[in-house]
Protein backbone atom coordinates (compact mmCIF):
# COMPACT_ATOMS: atom_id res chain seq x y z
CA UNK A 1 -0.17 0.02 0.08
CA UNK A 2 3.29 2.15 -0.33
CA UNK A 3 2.74 2.97 3.62
CA UNK A 4 5.50 3.46 5.97
CA UNK A 5 5.48 0.02 8.14
CA UNK A 6 6.85 1.88 10.94
CA UNK A 7 4.49 5.34 10.50
CA UNK A 8 1.52 3.15 10.44
CA UNK A 9 1.37 -0.17 11.84
CA UNK A 10 -1.34 -2.94 11.53
CA UNK A 11 -4.02 -2.25 14.20
CA UNK A 12 -3.00 -5.78 16.38
CA UNK A 13 1.18 -5.05 15.77
CA UNK A 14 -0.04 -1.59 17.93
CA UNK A 15 -2.12 -3.30 20.40
CA UNK A 16 0.68 -6.31 20.81
CA UNK A 17 3.36 -3.42 20.89
CA UNK A 18 1.39 -1.29 24.09
CA UNK A 19 0.75 -4.58 25.70
CA UNK A 20 4.25 -5.79 25.61
CA UNK A 21 5.63 -2.57 26.82
CA UNK A 22 2.44 -1.45 29.44
CA UNK A 23 1.33 -5.53 29.95
CA UNK A 24 -1.90 -3.76 30.10
CA UNK A 25 -4.84 -2.17 27.35
CA UNK A 26 -6.39 0.94 27.78
CA UNK A 27 -10.24 0.66 29.08
CA UNK A 28 -11.98 2.42 25.96
CA UNK A 29 -15.49 0.36 26.09
CA UNK A 30 -16.58 -2.80 26.88
CA UNK A 31 -17.15 -3.81 23.50
CA UNK A 32 -13.80 -2.32 22.03
CA UNK A 33 -12.18 -3.65 24.62
CA UNK A 34 -13.40 -7.23 23.86
CA UNK A 35 -12.25 -6.67 20.30
CA UNK A 36 -9.07 -5.33 21.60
CA UNK A 37 -8.47 -8.41 23.56
CA UNK A 38 -9.45 -11.17 20.47
CA UNK A 39 -6.98 -9.03 18.67
CA UNK A 40 -4.22 -9.66 20.97
CA UNK A 41 -5.33 -13.13 21.37
CA UNK A 42 -5.07 -13.14 17.06
CA UNK A 43 -3.04 -11.35 16.09
CA UNK A 44 -5.47 -10.11 13.45
CA UNK A 45 -6.35 -6.56 13.35
CA UNK A 46 -10.03 -6.48 14.60
CA UNK A 47 -12.75 -2.83 13.95
CA UNK A 48 -15.98 -2.14 14.97
CA UNK A 49 -18.11 0.41 13.42
CA UNK A 50 -21.48 1.61 14.81
CA UNK A 51 -23.73 1.13 11.77
CA UNK A 52 -26.09 3.76 12.23
CA UNK A 53 -23.04 6.13 11.17
CA UNK A 54 -22.76 4.44 7.76
CA UNK A 55 -24.77 5.29 4.88
CA UNK A 56 -26.21 2.36 3.46
CA UNK A 57 -22.86 0.45 3.17
CA UNK A 58 -19.78 0.11 3.95
CA UNK A 59 -17.45 -0.97 0.99
CA UNK A 60 -13.75 -1.90 0.86
CA UNK A 61 -11.76 -0.14 -1.59
CA UNK A 62 -8.85 2.58 -2.69
CA UNK A 63 -10.14 6.34 -2.10
CA UNK A 64 -10.27 8.21 -5.10
CA UNK A 65 -8.96 11.42 -2.89
CA UNK A 66 -12.63 13.05 -2.51
CA UNK A 67 -13.67 10.88 -0.22
CA UNK A 68 -14.34 12.82 3.69
CA UNK A 69 -12.77 11.49 6.85
CA UNK A 70 -13.41 12.81 10.51
CA UNK A 71 -10.22 12.31 12.27
CA UNK A 72 -10.44 11.61 16.27
CA UNK A 73 -8.73 15.29 16.51
CA UNK A 74 -12.01 16.67 15.02
CA UNK A 75 -10.28 17.60 11.24
CA UNK A 76 -12.16 16.47 8.29
CA UNK A 77 -9.19 15.05 6.21
CA UNK A 78 -9.70 13.88 2.67
CA UNK A 79 -7.45 10.31 1.97
CA UNK A 80 -4.81 10.18 -0.68
CA UNK A 81 -5.80 8.76 -3.97
CA UNK A 82 -5.38 5.26 -4.29
CA UNK A 83 -5.45 4.75 -0.20
CA UNK A 84 -7.51 1.72 1.01
CA UNK A 85 -10.61 2.87 2.66
CA UNK A 86 -13.86 1.77 4.03
CA UNK A 87 -16.14 4.00 2.18
CA UNK A 88 -20.03 4.18 2.53
CA UNK A 89 -22.70 5.65 0.13
CA UNK A 90 -22.10 9.12 1.11
CA UNK A 91 -18.31 8.87 0.28
CA UNK A 92 -17.22 9.25 4.03
CA UNK A 93 -14.30 7.42 4.70
CA UNK A 94 -15.14 5.31 8.10
CA UNK A 95 -11.27 3.87 7.98
CA UNK A 96 -8.22 5.07 6.33
CA UNK A 97 -5.07 3.11 5.64
CA UNK A 98 -6.89 -0.38 5.68
CA UNK A 99 -7.93 -0.25 8.85
CA UNK A 100 -5.17 1.67 10.87
CA UNK A 101 -7.43 4.85 11.45
CA UNK A 102 -10.49 4.39 12.06
CA UNK A 103 -13.06 7.52 11.79
CA UNK A 104 -14.34 9.31 14.49
CA UNK A 105 -17.67 9.57 12.72
CA UNK A 106 -18.89 5.70 13.33
CA UNK A 107 -16.65 4.81 16.44
CA UNK A 108 -18.19 3.03 19.04
CA UNK A 109 -19.62 5.14 21.83
CA UNK A 110 -22.21 4.67 24.64
CA UNK A 111 -25.43 5.19 22.63
CA UNK A 112 -24.43 2.48 19.84
CA UNK A 113 -26.55 -0.13 19.53
CA UNK A 114 -25.92 -2.29 16.02
CA UNK A 115 -22.31 -2.45 15.12
CA UNK A 116 -20.08 -4.05 12.05
CA UNK A 117 -16.98 -6.05 13.56
CA UNK A 118 -14.08 -6.62 10.58
CA UNK A 119 -11.35 -9.06 11.57
CA UNK A 120 -8.85 -9.35 8.32
CA UNK A 121 -5.91 -11.50 7.76
CA UNK A 122 -4.05 -12.24 4.66
CA UNK A 123 -1.45 -14.48 6.35
CA UNK A 124 -0.79 -17.86 6.17
CA UNK A 125 -3.56 -20.10 7.93
CA UNK A 126 -5.80 -16.76 7.98
CA UNK A 127 -8.53 -18.84 6.21
CA UNK A 128 -8.91 -21.11 9.32
CA UNK A 129 -7.63 -18.48 12.00
CA UNK A 130 -10.58 -15.74 11.25
CA UNK A 131 -13.76 -18.26 11.27
CA UNK A 132 -12.01 -19.08 14.58
CA UNK A 133 -11.63 -15.31 15.88
CA UNK A 134 -15.41 -14.67 14.45
CA UNK A 135 -16.49 -17.80 16.54
CA UNK A 136 -14.91 -16.06 19.89
CA UNK A 137 -16.27 -12.79 19.16
CA UNK A 138 -20.15 -14.29 18.56
CA UNK A 139 -19.70 -16.36 21.92
CA UNK A 140 -18.39 -13.69 23.89
CA UNK A 141 -21.11 -11.34 22.75
CA UNK A 142 -23.77 -13.62 23.23
CA UNK A 143 -22.34 -14.76 26.72
CA UNK A 144 -21.87 -10.94 27.85
CA UNK A 145 -24.65 -9.38 26.13
CA UNK A 146 -27.21 -12.07 25.42
CA UNK A 147 -26.95 -10.96 21.39
CA UNK A 148 -27.51 -13.34 18.60
CA UNK A 149 -24.39 -12.19 16.21
CA UNK A 150 -24.46 -12.81 12.30
CA UNK A 151 -20.96 -14.16 11.07
CA UNK A 152 -19.78 -14.22 7.61
CA UNK A 153 -16.19 -14.35 5.87
CA UNK A 154 -15.82 -12.33 2.42
CA UNK A 155 -13.50 -13.29 -0.18
CA UNK A 156 -13.65 -12.42 -4.05
CA UNK A 157 -16.43 -15.51 -4.65
CA UNK A 158 -18.39 -13.89 -1.80
CA UNK A 159 -17.53 -10.20 -1.61
CA UNK A 160 -20.78 -8.88 0.37
CA UNK A 161 -22.30 -9.11 3.87
CA UNK A 162 -25.55 -8.10 4.31
CA UNK A 163 -26.63 -7.42 7.87
């Protein structure tokens, strides 16, 4: 993706580095904390989006450069052309640099009632690891919050998830 690997670390790598240094993870929100723990356990990035802030759908694609992205600082940015983004029908980027920078717009907050949890991996063994991660997240969600999670694994032959 033409990104400097030490400047834009994979989310799971950043979590692992922080955990090794501090021997703990920050408490952000119970759902985020759960997903961070699972991400750390599997060494696979996990992102959580508040779906009420997503217009119609979310699509992983290369940016055109005209998408809007709300940073946690409150600034509005435009992703670089060809950068991998998670974009919605309103041309808003909900994540930049794959999922390394999530938008403030669709971040989970106390009022969140419906989420999309994304885990992604390309390593050898990912085809086995991602379904195990999804099963772990679904089991934890049902035991902690008594919800029924709908899961799916996307691929070139199955590129869409309808929720």
